[in-house]
Amino acid sequence: MAKNVRPRVKAPRSAEAGEVVVIKTLISHKMESGQRKDSDGNIIPRSIIHRFVCDFNGENVIDVKMEPAISTNPYFEFEATIPESGDFQFTWHDDDGSVYEETKTVKVG
């Protein structure tokens, strides 16, 4: 497991039915490409978040595959339509098999 990995999500707590909302996510992660060398000339092993998924009430909203060229601390901003009250489930998959998750609830009122 990579050290100091912290997912953050900004999503509204409430919305109107059918409203389009902006979701912002950022995960603190060093993101090592596997192409650099350390001071002794040894290759630093690849360590990236290679997939990000967001579901709302079990239905996929976004599914992103990331490659080594992705920057440190990947940030995603996207829009989603809120049909009903429910939960956004955010999942980040790390090369080392670690999975980082965050859940945000949106109430329709």
N, C-alpha and C. Protein backbone atom coordinates (compact mmCIF):
# COMPACT_ATOMS: atom_id res chain seq x y z
N MET A 1 0.84 -1.17 0.00
CA MET A 1 0.00 0.00 0.00
C MET A 1 0.89 1.24 0.00
N ALA A 2 0.60 2.17 -0.90
CA ALA A 2 1.35 3.42 -0.97
C ALA A 2 1.10 4.23 0.30
N LYS A 3 2.08 5.04 0.69
CA LYS A 3 1.96 5.82 1.92
C LYS A 3 1.23 7.13 1.68
N ASN A 4 0.51 7.57 2.70
CA ASN A 4 -0.16 8.88 2.70
C ASN A 4 -1.14 9.08 1.55
N VAL A 5 -1.81 8.03 1.13
CA VAL A 5 -2.81 8.15 0.07
C VAL A 5 -4.12 8.58 0.72
N ARG A 6 -4.69 9.67 0.19
CA ARG A 6 -5.92 10.20 0.78
C ARG A 6 -6.88 10.67 -0.30
N PRO A 7 -8.02 9.98 -0.46
CA PRO A 7 -9.00 10.45 -1.43
C PRO A 7 -9.85 11.58 -0.84
N ARG A 8 -10.19 12.55 -1.70
CA ARG A 8 -11.07 13.65 -1.30
C ARG A 8 -12.12 13.83 -2.38
N VAL A 9 -13.35 14.09 -1.94
CA VAL A 9 -14.46 14.25 -2.87
C VAL A 9 -15.30 15.45 -2.43
N LYS A 10 -15.67 16.25 -3.41
CA LYS A 10 -16.61 17.35 -3.16
C LYS A 10 -17.84 17.08 -4.01
N ALA A 11 -18.97 16.87 -3.32
CA ALA A 11 -20.24 16.60 -3.99
C ALA A 11 -21.33 17.29 -3.17
N PRO A 12 -22.40 17.73 -3.83
CA PRO A 12 -23.47 18.39 -3.07
C PRO A 12 -24.18 17.40 -2.14
N ARG A 13 -24.68 17.91 -1.02
CA ARG A 13 -25.44 17.06 -0.09
C ARG A 13 -26.88 16.90 -0.52
N SER A 14 -27.36 17.89 -1.32
CA SER A 14 -28.75 17.82 -1.78
C SER A 14 -28.84 18.36 -3.20
N ALA A 15 -29.89 17.96 -3.89
CA ALA A 15 -30.13 18.40 -5.27
C ALA A 15 -31.60 18.19 -5.58
N GLU A 16 -32.06 18.79 -6.66
CA GLU A 16 -33.41 18.55 -7.15
C GLU A 16 -33.38 17.35 -8.10
N ALA A 17 -34.46 16.63 -8.20
CA ALA A 17 -34.54 15.49 -9.12
C ALA A 17 -34.27 15.97 -10.54
N GLY A 18 -33.33 15.33 -11.22
CA GLY A 18 -32.97 15.68 -12.59
C GLY A 18 -31.90 16.76 -12.69
N GLU A 19 -31.47 17.29 -11.57
CA GLU A 19 -30.45 18.35 -11.57
C GLU A 19 -29.09 17.77 -11.97
N VAL A 20 -28.34 18.56 -12.73
CA VAL A 20 -26.97 18.20 -13.09
C VAL A 20 -26.05 18.88 -12.08
N VAL A 21 -25.22 18.09 -11.42
CA VAL A 21 -24.32 18.61 -10.40
C VAL A 21 -22.87 18.37 -10.81
N VAL A 22 -21.98 19.15 -10.23
CA VAL A 22 -20.54 19.00 -10.49
C VAL A 22 -19.93 18.21 -9.33
N ILE A 23 -19.16 17.20 -9.69
CA ILE A 23 -18.45 16.37 -8.73
C ILE A 23 -16.95 16.62 -8.93
N LYS A 24 -16.23 16.81 -7.82
CA LYS A 24 -14.79 17.03 -7.89
C LYS A 24 -14.10 15.99 -7.01
N THR A 25 -13.08 15.34 -7.55
CA THR A 25 -12.32 14.35 -6.77
C THR A 25 -10.83 14.59 -6.93
N LEU A 26 -10.11 14.28 -5.88
CA LEU A 26 -8.66 14.36 -5.90
C LEU A 26 -8.14 13.28 -4.96
N ILE A 27 -7.11 12.59 -5.39
CA ILE A 27 -6.50 11.60 -4.50
C ILE A 27 -5.01 11.93 -4.38
N SER A 28 -4.56 12.06 -3.14
CA SER A 28 -3.15 12.32 -2.88
C SER A 28 -2.38 11.03 -3.11
N HIS A 29 -1.54 11.03 -4.13
CA HIS A 29 -0.76 9.82 -4.47
C HIS A 29 0.46 10.26 -5.26
N LYS A 30 1.61 9.71 -4.92
CA LYS A 30 2.88 10.09 -5.53
C LYS A 30 2.96 9.82 -7.04
N MET A 31 2.35 8.75 -7.51
CA MET A 31 2.29 8.40 -8.94
C MET A 31 3.68 8.31 -9.57
N GLU A 32 4.34 7.20 -9.36
CA GLU A 32 5.66 6.95 -9.94
C GLU A 32 5.50 6.16 -11.24
N SER A 33 6.04 6.66 -12.34
CA SER A 33 5.83 6.08 -13.67
C SER A 33 6.56 4.75 -13.92
N GLY A 34 7.62 4.49 -13.16
CA GLY A 34 8.43 3.29 -13.39
C GLY A 34 9.52 3.50 -14.43
N GLN A 35 9.69 4.75 -14.86
CA GLN A 35 10.70 5.06 -15.88
C GLN A 35 11.86 5.88 -15.32
N ARG A 36 11.77 6.31 -14.07
CA ARG A 36 12.85 7.10 -13.48
C ARG A 36 13.80 6.21 -12.70
N LYS A 37 14.99 6.73 -12.42
CA LYS A 37 15.98 6.00 -11.63
C LYS A 37 16.29 6.79 -10.36
N ASP A 38 16.65 6.04 -9.31
CA ASP A 38 17.05 6.68 -8.07
C ASP A 38 18.51 7.12 -8.16
N SER A 39 19.07 7.67 -7.08
CA SER A 39 20.44 8.19 -7.10
C SER A 39 21.49 7.11 -7.32
N ASP A 40 21.14 5.83 -7.09
CA ASP A 40 22.06 4.72 -7.33
C ASP A 40 21.91 4.11 -8.72
N GLY A 41 21.01 4.66 -9.53
CA GLY A 41 20.80 4.16 -10.88
C GLY A 41 19.78 3.04 -11.00
N ASN A 42 19.12 2.72 -9.90
CA ASN A 42 18.11 1.66 -9.91
C ASN A 42 16.76 2.25 -10.35
N ILE A 43 16.03 1.48 -11.14
CA ILE A 43 14.72 1.93 -11.59
C ILE A 43 13.76 1.96 -10.39
N ILE A 44 13.05 3.08 -10.25
CA ILE A 44 12.04 3.21 -9.21
C ILE A 44 10.80 2.50 -9.73
N PRO A 45 10.27 1.53 -9.00
CA PRO A 45 9.13 0.74 -9.48
C PRO A 45 7.89 1.61 -9.74
N ARG A 46 7.14 1.21 -10.76
CA ARG A 46 5.90 1.91 -11.09
C ARG A 46 4.93 1.79 -9.91
N SER A 47 4.27 2.89 -9.61
CA SER A 47 3.26 2.93 -8.56
C SER A 47 2.27 4.03 -8.91
N ILE A 48 1.17 3.65 -9.57
CA ILE A 48 0.17 4.64 -9.95
C ILE A 48 -1.23 4.16 -9.59
N ILE A 49 -2.12 5.11 -9.48
CA ILE A 49 -3.55 4.80 -9.44
C ILE A 49 -3.89 4.54 -10.91
N HIS A 50 -4.29 3.32 -11.24
CA HIS A 50 -4.49 2.98 -12.66
C HIS A 50 -5.96 2.99 -13.10
N ARG A 51 -6.88 3.13 -12.11
CA ARG A 51 -8.30 3.15 -12.48
C ARG A 51 -9.09 3.93 -11.45
N PHE A 52 -10.02 4.73 -11.94
CA PHE A 52 -10.94 5.48 -11.09
C PHE A 52 -12.36 5.19 -11.57
N VAL A 53 -13.25 4.84 -10.64
CA VAL A 53 -14.63 4.51 -10.97
C VAL A 53 -15.56 5.28 -10.03
N CYS A 54 -16.65 5.78 -10.60
CA CYS A 54 -17.70 6.40 -9.80
C CYS A 54 -19.03 5.80 -10.20
N ASP A 55 -19.78 5.32 -9.21
CA ASP A 55 -21.12 4.77 -9.42
C ASP A 55 -22.11 5.56 -8.58
N PHE A 56 -23.35 5.67 -9.07
CA PHE A 56 -24.43 6.27 -8.30
C PHE A 56 -25.54 5.25 -8.17
N ASN A 57 -25.82 4.85 -6.93
CA ASN A 57 -26.82 3.81 -6.66
C ASN A 57 -26.57 2.56 -7.51
N GLY A 58 -25.31 2.18 -7.65
CA GLY A 58 -24.94 0.97 -8.38
C GLY A 58 -24.83 1.12 -9.88
N GLU A 59 -25.16 2.30 -10.41
CA GLU A 59 -25.07 2.53 -11.85
C GLU A 59 -23.81 3.34 -12.16
N ASN A 60 -23.04 2.88 -13.12
CA ASN A 60 -21.78 3.54 -13.45
C ASN A 60 -21.99 4.94 -14.00
N VAL A 61 -21.21 5.88 -13.46
CA VAL A 61 -21.23 7.28 -13.92
C VAL A 61 -19.99 7.56 -14.75
N ILE A 62 -18.83 7.10 -14.26
CA ILE A 62 -17.57 7.32 -14.96
C ILE A 62 -16.61 6.19 -14.60
N ASP A 63 -15.80 5.79 -15.58
CA ASP A 63 -14.80 4.74 -15.39
C ASP A 63 -13.57 5.16 -16.19
N VAL A 64 -12.49 5.48 -15.50
CA VAL A 64 -11.30 6.04 -16.15
C VAL A 64 -10.11 5.11 -15.96
N LYS A 65 -9.44 4.80 -17.06
CA LYS A 65 -8.19 4.03 -17.00
C LYS A 65 -7.05 5.04 -17.11
N MET A 66 -6.10 4.96 -16.17
CA MET A 66 -4.97 5.89 -16.15
C MET A 66 -3.68 5.17 -16.53
N GLU A 67 -2.81 5.90 -17.17
CA GLU A 67 -1.53 5.38 -17.62
C GLU A 67 -0.40 6.09 -16.86
N PRO A 68 0.86 5.63 -16.99
CA PRO A 68 1.96 6.22 -16.23
C PRO A 68 2.17 7.72 -16.45
N ALA A 69 1.68 8.28 -17.53
CA ALA A 69 1.88 9.71 -17.78
C ALA A 69 0.96 10.60 -16.95
N ILE A 70 0.05 10.00 -16.17
CA ILE A 70 -0.86 10.79 -15.34
C ILE A 70 -0.06 11.53 -14.26
N SER A 71 -0.52 12.71 -13.92
CA SER A 71 0.22 13.53 -12.95
C SER A 71 0.03 13.03 -11.52
N THR A 72 0.90 13.51 -10.66
CA THR A 72 0.78 13.26 -9.23
C THR A 72 -0.56 13.83 -8.75
N ASN A 73 -1.16 13.19 -7.77
CA ASN A 73 -2.43 13.64 -7.17
C ASN A 73 -3.51 13.86 -8.23
N PRO A 74 -3.95 12.81 -8.92
CA PRO A 74 -4.92 12.97 -10.00
C PRO A 74 -6.23 13.61 -9.53
N TYR A 75 -6.68 14.58 -10.31
CA TYR A 75 -7.89 15.35 -10.03
C TYR A 75 -8.87 15.13 -11.18
N PHE A 76 -10.12 14.83 -10.83
CA PHE A 76 -11.17 14.69 -11.84
C PHE A 76 -12.34 15.57 -11.44
N GLU A 77 -12.90 16.26 -12.43
CA GLU A 77 -14.11 17.04 -12.26
C GLU A 77 -15.06 16.62 -13.38
N PHE A 78 -16.29 16.27 -13.00
CA PHE A 78 -17.25 15.83 -14.00
C PHE A 78 -18.66 16.16 -13.52
N GLU A 79 -19.61 16.08 -14.43
CA GLU A 79 -21.01 16.34 -14.12
C GLU A 79 -21.79 15.03 -14.06
N ALA A 80 -22.81 15.03 -13.20
CA ALA A 80 -23.68 13.86 -13.08
C ALA A 80 -25.11 14.34 -12.85
N THR A 81 -26.05 13.65 -13.44
CA THR A 81 -27.46 13.95 -13.25
C THR A 81 -27.97 13.16 -12.05
N ILE A 82 -28.68 13.84 -11.16
CA ILE A 82 -29.20 13.20 -9.94
C ILE A 82 -30.68 12.86 -10.15
N PRO A 83 -31.01 11.59 -10.42
CA PRO A 83 -32.41 11.23 -10.66
C PRO A 83 -33.21 11.04 -9.36
N GLU A 84 -32.51 10.70 -8.27
CA GLU A 84 -33.16 10.36 -7.01
C GLU A 84 -32.14 10.44 -5.89
N SER A 85 -32.60 10.37 -4.67
CA SER A 85 -31.67 10.32 -3.53
C SER A 85 -30.82 9.06 -3.65
N GLY A 86 -29.58 9.17 -3.22
CA GLY A 86 -28.73 7.99 -3.27
C GLY A 86 -27.30 8.26 -2.91
N ASP A 87 -26.46 7.26 -3.15
CA ASP A 87 -25.05 7.31 -2.80
C ASP A 87 -24.15 7.27 -4.02
N PHE A 88 -23.19 8.16 -4.03
CA PHE A 88 -22.08 8.08 -4.98
C PHE A 88 -21.01 7.23 -4.33
N GLN A 89 -20.52 6.22 -5.04
CA GLN A 89 -19.42 5.39 -4.56
C GLN A 89 -18.22 5.66 -5.46
N PHE A 90 -17.14 6.15 -4.86
CA PHE A 90 -15.92 6.48 -5.60
C PHE A 90 -14.86 5.45 -5.24
N THR A 91 -14.19 4.91 -6.27
CA THR A 91 -13.19 3.86 -6.04
C THR A 91 -11.95 4.13 -6.89
N TRP A 92 -10.79 4.11 -6.23
CA TRP A 92 -9.50 4.27 -6.91
C TRP A 92 -8.74 2.96 -6.74
N HIS A 93 -8.16 2.44 -7.84
CA HIS A 93 -7.42 1.18 -7.82
C HIS A 93 -5.93 1.47 -8.02
N ASP A 94 -5.11 0.98 -7.10
CA ASP A 94 -3.67 1.19 -7.10
C ASP A 94 -2.97 -0.02 -7.72
N ASP A 95 -1.80 0.22 -8.33
CA ASP A 95 -1.01 -0.88 -8.91
C ASP A 95 -0.71 -1.98 -7.91
N ASP A 96 -0.52 -1.62 -6.63
CA ASP A 96 -0.14 -2.63 -5.64
C ASP A 96 -1.34 -3.45 -5.13
N GLY A 97 -2.51 -3.25 -5.75
CA GLY A 97 -3.70 -4.00 -5.35
C GLY A 97 -4.57 -3.27 -4.34
N SER A 98 -4.07 -2.17 -3.80
CA SER A 98 -4.86 -1.40 -2.84
C SER A 98 -6.07 -0.76 -3.53
N VAL A 99 -7.15 -0.65 -2.79
CA VAL A 99 -8.35 0.00 -3.28
C VAL A 99 -8.74 1.06 -2.25
N TYR A 100 -8.95 2.28 -2.72
CA TYR A 100 -9.34 3.39 -1.86
C TYR A 100 -10.76 3.78 -2.23
N GLU A 101 -11.60 3.93 -1.20
CA GLU A 101 -13.02 4.19 -1.46
C GLU A 101 -13.52 5.38 -0.65
N GLU A 102 -14.51 6.04 -1.20
CA GLU A 102 -15.18 7.15 -0.54
C GLU A 102 -16.64 7.11 -0.97
N THR A 103 -17.55 7.44 -0.08
CA THR A 103 -18.98 7.47 -0.39
C THR A 103 -19.54 8.83 -0.01
N LYS A 104 -20.38 9.38 -0.87
CA LYS A 104 -21.07 10.64 -0.61
C LYS A 104 -22.55 10.43 -0.90
N THR A 105 -23.39 10.87 0.04
CA THR A 105 -24.84 10.74 -0.12
C THR A 105 -25.43 12.07 -0.61
N VAL A 106 -26.34 11.97 -1.58
CA VAL A 106 -27.05 13.13 -2.09
C VAL A 106 -28.54 12.89 -1.86
N LYS A 107 -29.19 13.85 -1.23
CA LYS A 107 -30.63 13.74 -0.97
C LYS A 107 -31.38 14.62 -1.96
N VAL A 108 -32.43 14.07 -2.55
CA VAL A 108 -33.29 14.84 -3.46
C VAL A 108 -34.41 15.42 -2.61
N GLY A 109 -34.60 16.73 -2.77
CA GLY A 109 -35.62 17.37 -1.94
C GLY A 109 -36.50 18.31 -2.69
